PDB file of all heavy atoms in Angstrom:
ATOM      1  N   GLY A   1       0.837  -1.200   0.029  1.00  0.00           N
ATOM      2  CA  GLY A   1       0.015  -0.021  -0.033  1.00  0.00           C
ATOM      3  C   GLY A   1       0.812   1.241   0.000  1.00  0.00           C
ATOM      4  O   GLY A   1       0.562   2.243   0.774  1.00  0.00           O
ATOM      5  N   THR A   2       1.871   1.337  -0.756  1.00  0.00           N
ATOM      6  CA  THR A   2       2.631   2.609  -0.853  1.00  0.00           C
ATOM      7  C   THR A   2       2.957   2.896  -2.365  1.00  0.00           C
ATOM      8  O   THR A   2       3.207   1.962  -3.144  1.00  0.00           O
ATOM      9  CB  THR A   2       3.911   2.511  -0.050  1.00  0.00           C
ATOM     10  OG1 THR A   2       4.829   3.581  -0.508  1.00  0.00           O
ATOM     11  CG2 THR A   2       4.670   1.206  -0.281  1.00  0.00           C
ATOM     12  N   SER A   3       3.007   4.194  -2.676  1.00  0.00           N
ATOM     13  CA  SER A   3       3.314   4.613  -4.006  1.00  0.00           C
ATOM     14  C   SER A   3       4.862   4.579  -4.279  1.00  0.00           C
ATOM     15  O   SER A   3       5.310   4.820  -5.379  1.00  0.00           O
ATOM     16  CB  SER A   3       2.718   5.983  -4.307  1.00  0.00           C
ATOM     17  OG  SER A   3       3.335   6.905  -3.388  1.00  0.00           O
ATOM     18  N   LEU A   4       5.590   4.348  -3.194  1.00  0.00           N
ATOM     19  CA  LEU A   4       7.107   4.452  -3.344  1.00  0.00           C
ATOM     20  C   LEU A   4       7.588   5.735  -4.012  1.00  0.00           C
ATOM     21  O   LEU A   4       8.407   5.646  -4.880  1.00  0.00           O
ATOM     22  CB  LEU A   4       7.629   3.133  -4.013  1.00  0.00           C
ATOM     23  CG  LEU A   4       7.577   1.893  -3.242  1.00  0.00           C
ATOM     24  CD1 LEU A   4       8.331   0.731  -4.043  1.00  0.00           C
ATOM     25  CD2 LEU A   4       8.292   1.937  -1.885  1.00  0.00           C
ATOM     26  N   GLU A   5       6.951   6.850  -3.586  1.00  0.00           N
ATOM     27  CA  GLU A   5       7.392   8.109  -4.223  1.00  0.00           C
ATOM     28  C   GLU A   5       8.154   8.985  -3.334  1.00  0.00           C
ATOM     29  O   GLU A   5       8.912   9.889  -3.823  1.00  0.00           O
ATOM     30  CB  GLU A   5       6.117   8.847  -4.772  1.00  0.00           C
ATOM     31  CG  GLU A   5       5.699   8.356  -6.074  1.00  0.00           C
ATOM     32  CD  GLU A   5       4.276   8.856  -6.456  1.00  0.00           C
ATOM     33  OE1 GLU A   5       3.713   9.658  -5.621  1.00  0.00           O
ATOM     34  OE2 GLU A   5       3.751   8.470  -7.556  1.00  0.00           O
ATOM     35  N   VAL A   6       7.997   8.860  -2.042  1.00  0.00           N
ATOM     36  CA  VAL A   6       8.669   9.744  -1.093  1.00  0.00           C
ATOM     37  C   VAL A   6      10.018   9.185  -0.658  1.00  0.00           C
ATOM     38  O   VAL A   6      10.115   8.074  -0.104  1.00  0.00           O
ATOM     39  CB  VAL A   6       7.731  10.025   0.220  1.00  0.00           C
ATOM     40  CG1 VAL A   6       8.376  10.892   1.141  1.00  0.00           C
ATOM     41  CG2 VAL A   6       6.416  10.481  -0.220  1.00  0.00           C
ATOM     42  N   GLU A   7      10.996  10.033  -0.972  1.00  0.00           N
ATOM     43  CA  GLU A   7      12.394   9.613  -0.550  1.00  0.00           C
ATOM     44  C   GLU A   7      12.688  10.134   0.877  1.00  0.00           C
ATOM     45  O   GLU A   7      12.075  11.037   1.297  1.00  0.00           O
ATOM     46  CB  GLU A   7      13.401  10.129  -1.520  1.00  0.00           C
ATOM     47  CG  GLU A   7      13.361   9.609  -2.865  1.00  0.00           C
ATOM     48  CD  GLU A   7      13.730   8.020  -2.969  1.00  0.00           C
ATOM     49  OE1 GLU A   7      14.252   7.557  -1.865  1.00  0.00           O
ATOM     50  OE2 GLU A   7      13.568   7.415  -4.026  1.00  0.00           O
ATOM     51  N   PRO A   8      13.621   9.503   1.613  1.00  0.00           N
ATOM     52  CA  PRO A   8      14.429   8.424   1.268  1.00  0.00           C
ATOM     53  C   PRO A   8      13.750   6.957   1.436  1.00  0.00           C
ATOM     54  O   PRO A   8      14.296   5.986   1.172  1.00  0.00           O
ATOM     55  CB  PRO A   8      15.621   8.499   2.171  1.00  0.00           C
ATOM     56  CG  PRO A   8      15.081   9.178   3.431  1.00  0.00           C
ATOM     57  CD  PRO A   8      13.972  10.053   2.931  1.00  0.00           C
ATOM     58  N   PHE A   9      12.472   7.016   1.934  1.00  0.00           N
ATOM     59  CA  PHE A   9      11.766   5.777   2.182  1.00  0.00           C
ATOM     60  C   PHE A   9      11.712   4.900   0.964  1.00  0.00           C
ATOM     61  O   PHE A   9      12.025   3.692   1.047  1.00  0.00           O
ATOM     62  CB  PHE A   9      10.324   6.119   2.651  1.00  0.00           C
ATOM     63  CG  PHE A   9       9.505   4.956   3.160  1.00  0.00           C
ATOM     64  CD1 PHE A   9       9.590   4.622   4.532  1.00  0.00           C
ATOM     65  CD2 PHE A   9       8.663   4.199   2.277  1.00  0.00           C
ATOM     66  CE1 PHE A   9       8.777   3.560   4.925  1.00  0.00           C
ATOM     67  CE2 PHE A   9       7.987   3.126   2.737  1.00  0.00           C
ATOM     68  CZ  PHE A   9       8.045   2.755   4.080  1.00  0.00           C
ATOM     69  N   ALA A  10      11.413   5.465  -0.171  1.00  0.00           N
ATOM     70  CA  ALA A  10      11.156   4.705  -1.433  1.00  0.00           C
ATOM     71  C   ALA A  10      12.354   3.823  -1.861  1.00  0.00           C
ATOM     72  O   ALA A  10      12.186   2.716  -2.226  1.00  0.00           O
ATOM     73  CB  ALA A  10      10.734   5.638  -2.501  1.00  0.00           C
ATOM     74  N   SER A  11      13.570   4.406  -1.700  1.00  0.00           N
ATOM     75  CA  SER A  11      14.738   3.740  -2.182  1.00  0.00           C
ATOM     76  C   SER A  11      15.048   2.451  -1.415  1.00  0.00           C
ATOM     77  O   SER A  11      15.846   1.682  -1.794  1.00  0.00           O
ATOM     78  CB  SER A  11      15.905   4.569  -2.346  1.00  0.00           C
ATOM     79  OG  SER A  11      16.071   5.324  -1.123  1.00  0.00           O
ATOM     80  N   LEU A  12      14.471   2.409  -0.152  1.00  0.00           N
ATOM     81  CA  LEU A  12      14.766   1.187   0.648  1.00  0.00           C
ATOM     82  C   LEU A  12      14.322  -0.136  -0.098  1.00  0.00           C
ATOM     83  O   LEU A  12      14.893  -1.192   0.186  1.00  0.00           O
ATOM     84  CB  LEU A  12      13.994   1.251   1.863  1.00  0.00           C
ATOM     85  CG  LEU A  12      14.416   2.425   2.930  1.00  0.00           C
ATOM     86  CD1 LEU A  12      13.610   2.265   4.217  1.00  0.00           C
ATOM     87  CD2 LEU A  12      15.959   2.226   3.214  1.00  0.00           C
ATOM     88  N   ALA A  13      13.410  -0.043  -0.913  1.00  0.00           N
ATOM     89  CA  ALA A  13      12.839  -1.252  -1.692  1.00  0.00           C
ATOM     90  C   ALA A  13      14.015  -1.934  -2.459  1.00  0.00           C
ATOM     91  O   ALA A  13      13.967  -3.169  -2.693  1.00  0.00           O
ATOM     92  CB  ALA A  13      11.711  -0.922  -2.585  1.00  0.00           C
ATOM     93  N   GLY A  14      15.003  -1.089  -2.802  1.00  0.00           N
ATOM     94  CA  GLY A  14      16.144  -1.658  -3.613  1.00  0.00           C
ATOM     95  C   GLY A  14      17.335  -2.106  -2.664  1.00  0.00           C
ATOM     96  O   GLY A  14      18.345  -2.563  -3.152  1.00  0.00           O
ATOM     97  N   ALA A  15      17.113  -1.947  -1.310  1.00  0.00           N
ATOM     98  CA  ALA A  15      18.253  -2.224  -0.442  1.00  0.00           C
ATOM     99  C   ALA A  15      18.311  -3.684   0.106  1.00  0.00           C
ATOM    100  O   ALA A  15      19.227  -4.024   0.797  1.00  0.00           O
ATOM    101  CB  ALA A  15      18.141  -1.297   0.785  1.00  0.00           C
ATOM    102  N   VAL A  16      17.397  -4.564  -0.280  1.00  0.00           N
ATOM    103  CA  VAL A  16      17.496  -5.955   0.135  1.00  0.00           C
ATOM    104  C   VAL A  16      18.428  -6.648  -0.875  1.00  0.00           C
ATOM    105  O   VAL A  16      18.563  -6.166  -2.016  1.00  0.00           O
ATOM    106  CB  VAL A  16      16.140  -6.707   0.199  1.00  0.00           C
ATOM    107  CG1 VAL A  16      15.323  -6.236   1.347  1.00  0.00           C
ATOM    108  CG2 VAL A  16      15.338  -6.620  -1.186  1.00  0.00           C
ATOM    109  N   ARG A  17      19.024  -7.700  -0.462  1.00  0.00           N
ATOM    110  CA  ARG A  17      19.959  -8.505  -1.355  1.00  0.00           C
ATOM    111  C   ARG A  17      19.167  -8.973  -2.584  1.00  0.00           C
ATOM    112  O   ARG A  17      18.010  -9.217  -2.520  1.00  0.00           O
ATOM    113  CB  ARG A  17      20.541  -9.669  -0.625  1.00  0.00           C
ATOM    114  CG  ARG A  17      21.579  -9.250   0.453  1.00  0.00           C
ATOM    115  CD  ARG A  17      21.851 -10.339   1.417  1.00  0.00           C
ATOM    116  NE  ARG A  17      20.653 -10.704   2.261  1.00  0.00           N
ATOM    117  CZ  ARG A  17      20.365 -11.935   2.657  1.00  0.00           C
ATOM    118  NH1 ARG A  17      21.225 -12.906   2.329  1.00  0.00           N
ATOM    119  NH2 ARG A  17      19.284 -12.200   3.287  1.00  0.00           N
ATOM    120  N   SER A  18      19.842  -9.136  -3.725  1.00  0.00           N
ATOM    121  CA  SER A  18      19.184  -9.424  -4.968  1.00  0.00           C
ATOM    122  C   SER A  18      18.560 -10.807  -4.942  1.00  0.00           C
ATOM    123  O   SER A  18      17.676 -11.128  -5.688  1.00  0.00           O
ATOM    124  CB  SER A  18      20.088  -9.354  -6.138  1.00  0.00           C
ATOM    125  OG  SER A  18      21.230 -10.153  -6.011  1.00  0.00           O
ATOM    126  N   SER A  19      18.981 -11.644  -3.984  1.00  0.00           N
ATOM    127  CA  SER A  19      18.470 -13.022  -3.892  1.00  0.00           C
ATOM    128  C   SER A  19      17.107 -13.023  -3.106  1.00  0.00           C
ATOM    129  O   SER A  19      16.470 -14.109  -3.052  1.00  0.00           O
ATOM    130  CB  SER A  19      19.451 -13.976  -3.204  1.00  0.00           C
ATOM    131  OG  SER A  19      19.727 -13.456  -1.942  1.00  0.00           O
ATOM    132  N   VAL A  20      16.808 -11.956  -2.555  1.00  0.00           N
ATOM    133  CA  VAL A  20      15.656 -11.879  -1.604  1.00  0.00           C
ATOM    134  C   VAL A  20      14.320 -11.564  -2.352  1.00  0.00           C
ATOM    135  O   VAL A  20      14.235 -10.599  -3.081  1.00  0.00           O
ATOM    136  CB  VAL A  20      15.907 -10.794  -0.515  1.00  0.00           C
ATOM    137  CG1 VAL A  20      14.647 -10.527   0.394  1.00  0.00           C
ATOM    138  CG2 VAL A  20      17.040 -11.257   0.412  1.00  0.00           C
ATOM    139  N   PRO A  21      13.342 -12.463  -2.165  1.00  0.00           N
ATOM    140  CA  PRO A  21      12.046 -12.157  -2.866  1.00  0.00           C
ATOM    141  C   PRO A  21      11.411 -10.870  -2.300  1.00  0.00           C
ATOM    142  O   PRO A  21      11.521 -10.525  -1.139  1.00  0.00           O
ATOM    143  CB  PRO A  21      11.218 -13.423  -2.424  1.00  0.00           C
ATOM    144  CG  PRO A  21      12.039 -14.339  -1.945  1.00  0.00           C
ATOM    145  CD  PRO A  21      13.317 -13.691  -1.393  1.00  0.00           C
ATOM    146  N   ARG A  22      10.815 -10.117  -3.251  1.00  0.00           N
ATOM    147  CA  ARG A  22      10.102  -8.893  -2.923  1.00  0.00           C
ATOM    148  C   ARG A  22       8.656  -9.010  -3.347  1.00  0.00           C
ATOM    149  O   ARG A  22       8.429  -9.367  -4.444  1.00  0.00           O
ATOM    150  CB  ARG A  22      10.727  -7.698  -3.530  1.00  0.00           C
ATOM    151  CG  ARG A  22      12.187  -7.415  -3.250  1.00  0.00           C
ATOM    152  CD  ARG A  22      12.769  -6.146  -3.871  1.00  0.00           C
ATOM    153  NE  ARG A  22      12.707  -6.093  -5.313  1.00  0.00           N
ATOM    154  CZ  ARG A  22      13.219  -5.109  -6.064  1.00  0.00           C
ATOM    155  NH1 ARG A  22      13.841  -4.111  -5.464  1.00  0.00           N
ATOM    156  NH2 ARG A  22      13.149  -5.089  -7.375  1.00  0.00           N
ATOM    157  N   VAL A  23       7.724  -8.819  -2.394  1.00  0.00           N
ATOM    158  CA  VAL A  23       6.332  -8.987  -2.683  1.00  0.00           C
ATOM    159  C   VAL A  23       5.595  -7.623  -2.602  1.00  0.00           C
ATOM    160  O   VAL A  23       5.647  -7.013  -1.481  1.00  0.00           O
ATOM    161  CB  VAL A  23       5.620  -9.954  -1.677  1.00  0.00           C
ATOM    162  CG1 VAL A  23       4.165 -10.130  -2.025  1.00  0.00           C
ATOM    163  CG2 VAL A  23       6.429 -11.345  -1.670  1.00  0.00           C
ATOM    164  N   LEU A  24       5.018  -7.225  -3.687  1.00  0.00           N
ATOM    165  CA  LEU A  24       4.227  -5.939  -3.731  1.00  0.00           C
ATOM    166  C   LEU A  24       2.725  -6.320  -3.575  1.00  0.00           C
ATOM    167  O   LEU A  24       2.209  -7.101  -4.392  1.00  0.00           O
ATOM    168  CB  LEU A  24       4.510  -5.263  -5.010  1.00  0.00           C
ATOM    169  CG  LEU A  24       3.607  -3.941  -5.241  1.00  0.00           C
ATOM    170  CD1 LEU A  24       4.095  -2.762  -4.340  1.00  0.00           C
ATOM    171  CD2 LEU A  24       3.731  -3.487  -6.607  1.00  0.00           C
ATOM    172  N   ILE A  25       2.127  -5.699  -2.622  1.00  0.00           N
ATOM    173  CA  ILE A  25       0.676  -5.874  -2.489  1.00  0.00           C
ATOM    174  C   ILE A  25       0.079  -4.403  -2.561  1.00  0.00           C
ATOM    175  O   ILE A  25       0.180  -3.655  -1.650  1.00  0.00           O
ATOM    176  CB  ILE A  25       0.198  -6.544  -1.192  1.00  0.00           C
ATOM    177  CG1 ILE A  25       0.905  -7.981  -1.024  1.00  0.00           C
ATOM    178  CG2 ILE A  25      -1.330  -6.670  -1.074  1.00  0.00           C
ATOM    179  CD1 ILE A  25       0.523  -8.659   0.201  1.00  0.00           C
ATOM    180  N   ASN A  26      -0.477  -4.086  -3.652  1.00  0.00           N
ATOM    181  CA  ASN A  26      -0.779  -2.674  -3.965  1.00  0.00           C
ATOM    182  C   ASN A  26      -1.696  -2.556  -5.112  1.00  0.00           C
ATOM    183  O   ASN A  26      -1.934  -3.480  -5.893  1.00  0.00           O
ATOM    184  CB  ASN A  26       0.556  -1.940  -4.334  1.00  0.00           C
ATOM    185  CG  ASN A  26       0.437  -0.469  -4.190  1.00  0.00           C
ATOM    186  OD1 ASN A  26      -0.102   0.093  -3.189  1.00  0.00           O
ATOM    187  ND2 ASN A  26       1.017   0.273  -5.143  1.00  0.00           N
ATOM    188  N   ARG A  27      -2.368  -1.371  -5.266  1.00  0.00           N
ATOM    189  CA  ARG A  27      -3.264  -1.111  -6.383  1.00  0.00           C
ATOM    190  C   ARG A  27      -2.452  -1.248  -7.767  1.00  0.00           C
ATOM    191  O   ARG A  27      -3.021  -1.820  -8.724  1.00  0.00           O
ATOM    192  CB  ARG A  27      -3.896   0.246  -6.340  1.00  0.00           C
ATOM    193  CG  ARG A  27      -5.046   0.242  -5.312  1.00  0.00           C
ATOM    194  CD  ARG A  27      -6.220   1.188  -5.631  1.00  0.00           C
ATOM    195  NE  ARG A  27      -7.262   1.070  -4.743  1.00  0.00           N
ATOM    196  CZ  ARG A  27      -8.138   0.072  -4.819  1.00  0.00           C
ATOM    197  NH1 ARG A  27      -8.166  -0.783  -5.763  1.00  0.00           N
ATOM    198  NH2 ARG A  27      -9.160   0.023  -4.041  1.00  0.00           N
ATOM    199  N   ASP A  28      -1.303  -0.629  -7.824  1.00  0.00           N
ATOM    200  CA  ASP A  28      -0.545  -0.529  -9.013  1.00  0.00           C
ATOM    201  C   ASP A  28       0.872  -0.970  -8.885  1.00  0.00           C
ATOM    202  O   ASP A  28       1.369  -0.978  -7.752  1.00  0.00           O
ATOM    203  CB  ASP A  28      -0.561   0.932  -9.612  1.00  0.00           C
ATOM    204  CG  ASP A  28      -1.856   1.647  -9.426  1.00  0.00           C
ATOM    205  OD1 ASP A  28      -2.777   1.358 -10.212  1.00  0.00           O
ATOM    206  OD2 ASP A  28      -1.977   2.447  -8.483  1.00  0.00           O
ATOM    207  N   LEU A  29       1.513  -1.251  -9.959  1.00  0.00           N
ATOM    208  CA  LEU A  29       2.955  -1.486  -9.945  1.00  0.00           C
ATOM    209  C   LEU A  29       3.673  -0.175  -9.702  1.00  0.00           C
ATOM    210  O   LEU A  29       3.324   0.882 -10.228  1.00  0.00           O
ATOM    211  CB  LEU A  29       3.424  -1.973 -11.373  1.00  0.00           C
ATOM    212  CG  LEU A  29       3.191  -3.448 -11.778  1.00  0.00           C
ATOM    213  CD1 LEU A  29       3.704  -3.717 -13.161  1.00  0.00           C
ATOM    214  CD2 LEU A  29       3.940  -4.306 -10.797  1.00  0.00           C
ATOM    215  N   VAL A  30       4.598  -0.168  -8.746  1.00  0.00           N
ATOM    216  CA  VAL A  30       5.244   1.042  -8.334  1.00  0.00           C
ATOM    217  C   VAL A  30       6.741   0.827  -8.209  1.00  0.00           C
ATOM    218  O   VAL A  30       7.159  -0.260  -8.047  1.00  0.00           O
ATOM    219  CB  VAL A  30       4.693   1.702  -7.051  1.00  0.00           C
ATOM    220  CG1 VAL A  30       3.243   2.147  -7.144  1.00  0.00           C
ATOM    221  CG2 VAL A  30       4.790   0.587  -5.865  1.00  0.00           C
ATOM    222  N   GLY A  31       7.530   1.957  -8.234  1.00  0.00           N
ATOM    223  CA  GLY A  31       8.925   1.869  -7.946  1.00  0.00           C
ATOM    224  C   GLY A  31       9.616   0.803  -8.818  1.00  0.00           C
ATOM    225  O   GLY A  31       9.325   0.608  -9.992  1.00  0.00           O
ATOM    226  N   PRO A  32      10.554   0.104  -8.233  1.00  0.00           N
ATOM    227  CA  PRO A  32      11.319  -0.899  -8.972  1.00  0.00           C
ATOM    228  C   PRO A  32      10.482  -2.001  -9.491  1.00  0.00           C
ATOM    229  O   PRO A  32      10.865  -2.731 -10.483  1.00  0.00           O
ATOM    230  CB  PRO A  32      12.298  -1.463  -7.916  1.00  0.00           C
ATOM    231  CG  PRO A  32      11.861  -1.026  -6.602  1.00  0.00           C
ATOM    232  CD  PRO A  32      10.986   0.199  -6.787  1.00  0.00           C
TER     233      PRO A  32
END
């Protein structure tokens, strides 16, 4: 439930290791 538009919060989505699954539960595709 986030638009991932407000920094520096938004860029955290890219801070997990690349092997780590990321699950988006949201109205639209956002950010990365």
